[in-house]
Amino acid sequence: MSEKRLQKRDEISDEYKWKLEDMYETDELWEAECEKASQLAEKLSGFKGHRQTVQQRCLIFLRSRMSCLIIWSV
């Protein structure tokens, strides 16, 4: 059985890569969005082990998840 590995970016054809310059005008804007997404991911992972009502957790989680989706749907 052959071992599968992730290809490096330079090994992938351009037709399968996102063109970030079409989505973000500058590298700084891209980095700012990545930082926001990273912070939201940390927030979402913070739900594990917390005692809240199911409704409270669901509402907070969905609001945070929606923020992630908004960031990545630029």
N, C-alpha and C. Protein backbone atom coordinates (compact mmCIF):
# COMPACT_ATOMS: atom_id res chain seq x y z
N MET A 1 0.85 -1.18 0.00
CA MET A 1 0.00 0.00 0.00
C MET A 1 0.89 1.24 0.00
N SER A 2 0.67 2.14 -0.94
CA SER A 2 1.50 3.34 -1.02
C SER A 2 1.07 4.37 0.02
N GLU A 3 2.05 5.11 0.48
CA GLU A 3 1.79 6.13 1.50
C GLU A 3 1.34 7.42 0.81
N LYS A 4 0.24 7.98 1.28
CA LYS A 4 -0.25 9.25 0.72
C LYS A 4 0.35 10.40 1.52
N ARG A 5 0.63 11.49 0.83
CA ARG A 5 1.15 12.67 1.51
C ARG A 5 0.52 13.91 0.86
N LEU A 6 0.47 14.96 1.62
CA LEU A 6 -0.02 16.22 1.08
C LEU A 6 1.03 16.81 0.17
N GLN A 7 0.58 17.33 -0.94
CA GLN A 7 1.51 17.97 -1.86
C GLN A 7 1.86 19.36 -1.36
N LYS A 8 3.06 19.79 -1.68
CA LYS A 8 3.47 21.16 -1.39
C LYS A 8 2.83 22.07 -2.42
N ARG A 9 2.66 23.32 -2.06
CA ARG A 9 1.98 24.27 -2.95
C ARG A 9 2.63 24.34 -4.33
N ASP A 10 3.95 24.30 -4.37
CA ASP A 10 4.62 24.40 -5.67
C ASP A 10 4.50 23.13 -6.51
N GLU A 11 3.96 22.07 -5.95
CA GLU A 11 3.74 20.82 -6.67
C GLU A 11 2.32 20.74 -7.26
N ILE A 12 1.50 21.71 -6.96
CA ILE A 12 0.10 21.70 -7.39
C ILE A 12 -0.07 22.65 -8.56
N SER A 13 -0.84 22.22 -9.53
CA SER A 13 -1.11 23.06 -10.70
C SER A 13 -1.85 24.33 -10.29
N ASP A 14 -1.54 25.44 -10.95
CA ASP A 14 -2.15 26.73 -10.62
C ASP A 14 -3.67 26.70 -10.72
N GLU A 15 -4.22 25.86 -11.59
CA GLU A 15 -5.67 25.82 -11.75
C GLU A 15 -6.39 25.34 -10.49
N TYR A 16 -5.67 24.72 -9.56
CA TYR A 16 -6.27 24.21 -8.32
C TYR A 16 -5.96 25.08 -7.10
N LYS A 17 -5.34 26.22 -7.32
CA LYS A 17 -4.97 27.11 -6.21
C LYS A 17 -5.90 28.32 -6.18
N TRP A 18 -6.16 28.79 -4.97
CA TRP A 18 -6.91 30.04 -4.83
C TRP A 18 -6.01 31.18 -5.27
N LYS A 19 -6.61 32.16 -5.90
CA LYS A 19 -5.86 33.37 -6.26
C LYS A 19 -6.19 34.42 -5.20
N LEU A 20 -5.34 34.45 -4.19
CA LEU A 20 -5.59 35.34 -3.05
C LEU A 20 -5.60 36.80 -3.45
N GLU A 21 -4.85 37.14 -4.49
CA GLU A 21 -4.81 38.54 -4.93
C GLU A 21 -6.18 38.98 -5.47
N ASP A 22 -7.02 38.02 -5.89
CA ASP A 22 -8.37 38.36 -6.32
C ASP A 22 -9.30 38.62 -5.13
N MET A 23 -8.93 38.08 -3.98
CA MET A 23 -9.79 38.21 -2.79
C MET A 23 -9.31 39.30 -1.83
N TYR A 24 -8.01 39.54 -1.79
CA TYR A 24 -7.44 40.52 -0.87
C TYR A 24 -6.50 41.44 -1.63
N GLU A 25 -6.65 42.71 -1.39
CA GLU A 25 -5.81 43.70 -2.10
C GLU A 25 -4.36 43.68 -1.65
N THR A 26 -4.13 43.38 -0.36
CA THR A 26 -2.77 43.38 0.16
C THR A 26 -2.53 42.15 1.04
N ASP A 27 -1.26 41.83 1.25
CA ASP A 27 -0.91 40.74 2.15
C ASP A 27 -1.36 41.04 3.57
N GLU A 28 -1.32 42.31 3.93
CA GLU A 28 -1.71 42.71 5.29
C GLU A 28 -3.18 42.40 5.55
N LEU A 29 -4.05 42.64 4.56
CA LEU A 29 -5.47 42.33 4.71
C LEU A 29 -5.67 40.83 4.87
N TRP A 30 -4.95 40.04 4.10
CA TRP A 30 -5.02 38.58 4.20
C TRP A 30 -4.59 38.13 5.59
N GLU A 31 -3.47 38.66 6.07
CA GLU A 31 -2.97 38.27 7.38
C GLU A 31 -3.92 38.67 8.50
N ALA A 32 -4.57 39.82 8.37
CA ALA A 32 -5.54 40.26 9.38
C ALA A 32 -6.73 39.31 9.43
N GLU A 33 -7.20 38.87 8.27
CA GLU A 33 -8.33 37.93 8.22
C GLU A 33 -7.93 36.58 8.80
N CYS A 34 -6.71 36.15 8.53
CA CYS A 34 -6.22 34.89 9.10
C CYS A 34 -6.16 34.97 10.62
N GLU A 35 -5.73 36.09 11.12
CA GLU A 35 -5.65 36.28 12.58
C GLU A 35 -7.06 36.23 13.19
N LYS A 36 -8.02 36.89 12.55
CA LYS A 36 -9.41 36.85 13.03
C LYS A 36 -9.93 35.42 13.07
N ALA A 37 -9.68 34.69 11.98
CA ALA A 37 -10.14 33.30 11.90
C ALA A 37 -9.49 32.44 12.98
N SER A 38 -8.22 32.67 13.23
CA SER A 38 -7.50 31.93 14.25
C SER A 38 -8.10 32.20 15.64
N GLN A 39 -8.40 33.45 15.91
CA GLN A 39 -9.00 33.81 17.19
C GLN A 39 -10.39 33.19 17.34
N LEU A 40 -11.16 33.18 16.27
CA LEU A 40 -12.49 32.56 16.33
C LEU A 40 -12.39 31.06 16.52
N ALA A 41 -11.42 30.43 15.89
CA ALA A 41 -11.23 28.98 16.07
C ALA A 41 -10.89 28.66 17.52
N GLU A 42 -10.06 29.49 18.14
CA GLU A 42 -9.74 29.30 19.56
C GLU A 42 -11.00 29.44 20.41
N LYS A 43 -11.81 30.43 20.08
CA LYS A 43 -13.06 30.65 20.82
C LYS A 43 -13.98 29.44 20.69
N LEU A 44 -14.09 28.90 19.49
CA LEU A 44 -14.94 27.74 19.28
C LEU A 44 -14.44 26.52 20.04
N SER A 45 -13.13 26.33 20.09
CA SER A 45 -12.58 25.17 20.80
C SER A 45 -12.76 25.31 22.31
N GLY A 46 -13.02 26.53 22.76
CA GLY A 46 -13.21 26.77 24.19
C GLY A 46 -14.52 26.26 24.74
N PHE A 47 -15.39 25.75 23.90
CA PHE A 47 -16.67 25.24 24.37
C PHE A 47 -16.54 23.89 25.05
N LYS A 48 -15.49 23.17 24.75
CA LYS A 48 -15.31 21.83 25.30
C LYS A 48 -15.21 21.89 26.82
N GLY A 49 -16.06 21.13 27.49
CA GLY A 49 -16.01 21.00 28.94
C GLY A 49 -16.69 22.10 29.73
N HIS A 50 -17.30 23.09 29.09
CA HIS A 50 -17.97 24.16 29.81
C HIS A 50 -19.41 23.76 30.13
N ARG A 51 -19.85 24.19 31.27
CA ARG A 51 -21.22 23.89 31.68
C ARG A 51 -22.11 25.10 31.43
N GLN A 52 -22.90 24.97 30.43
CA GLN A 52 -23.91 25.97 30.10
C GLN A 52 -25.12 25.20 29.61
N THR A 53 -26.23 25.89 29.52
CA THR A 53 -27.38 25.21 28.95
C THR A 53 -27.10 24.93 27.49
N VAL A 54 -27.75 23.95 26.96
CA VAL A 54 -27.57 23.59 25.56
C VAL A 54 -27.91 24.79 24.68
N GLN A 55 -28.95 25.51 25.03
CA GLN A 55 -29.37 26.66 24.23
C GLN A 55 -28.31 27.75 24.23
N GLN A 56 -27.71 28.02 25.39
CA GLN A 56 -26.66 29.05 25.48
C GLN A 56 -25.45 28.66 24.64
N ARG A 57 -25.01 27.43 24.78
CA ARG A 57 -23.85 26.97 24.03
C ARG A 57 -24.11 27.01 22.53
N CYS A 58 -25.30 26.57 22.15
CA CYS A 58 -25.65 26.54 20.73
C CYS A 58 -25.66 27.95 20.14
N LEU A 59 -26.26 28.89 20.84
CA LEU A 59 -26.33 30.26 20.35
C LEU A 59 -24.94 30.87 20.21
N ILE A 60 -24.11 30.73 21.22
CA ILE A 60 -22.76 31.28 21.18
C ILE A 60 -21.95 30.62 20.06
N PHE A 61 -22.06 29.30 19.97
CA PHE A 61 -21.33 28.58 18.94
C PHE A 61 -21.76 29.03 17.54
N LEU A 62 -23.06 29.11 17.32
CA LEU A 62 -23.56 29.50 15.99
C LEU A 62 -23.15 30.92 15.61
N ARG A 63 -23.18 31.83 16.58
CA ARG A 63 -22.73 33.21 16.29
C ARG A 63 -21.25 33.22 15.91
N SER A 64 -20.44 32.47 16.63
CA SER A 64 -19.01 32.42 16.33
C SER A 64 -18.78 31.74 14.98
N ARG A 65 -19.50 30.69 14.72
CA ARG A 65 -19.36 29.97 13.45
C ARG A 65 -19.76 30.87 12.28
N MET A 66 -20.82 31.64 12.47
CA MET A 66 -21.26 32.55 11.42
C MET A 66 -20.18 33.59 11.13
N SER A 67 -19.50 34.05 12.17
CA SER A 67 -18.40 35.00 11.97
C SER A 67 -17.30 34.39 11.13
N CYS A 68 -16.99 33.11 11.37
CA CYS A 68 -15.97 32.43 10.57
C CYS A 68 -16.41 32.35 9.12
N LEU A 69 -17.65 32.01 8.90
CA LEU A 69 -18.15 31.88 7.53
C LEU A 69 -18.13 33.21 6.80
N ILE A 70 -18.44 34.28 7.50
CA ILE A 70 -18.43 35.60 6.89
C ILE A 70 -17.01 35.97 6.47
N ILE A 71 -16.05 35.69 7.33
CA ILE A 71 -14.64 36.00 7.01
C ILE A 71 -14.20 35.26 5.76
N TRP A 72 -14.54 33.98 5.65
CA TRP A 72 -14.04 33.17 4.56
C TRP A 72 -14.89 33.22 3.30
N SER A 73 -15.96 34.00 3.32
CA SER A 73 -16.79 34.10 2.11
C SER A 73 -16.53 35.40 1.36
N VAL A 74 -15.37 36.00 1.60
CA VAL A 74 -15.01 37.26 0.96
C VAL A 74 -15.06 37.14 -0.53
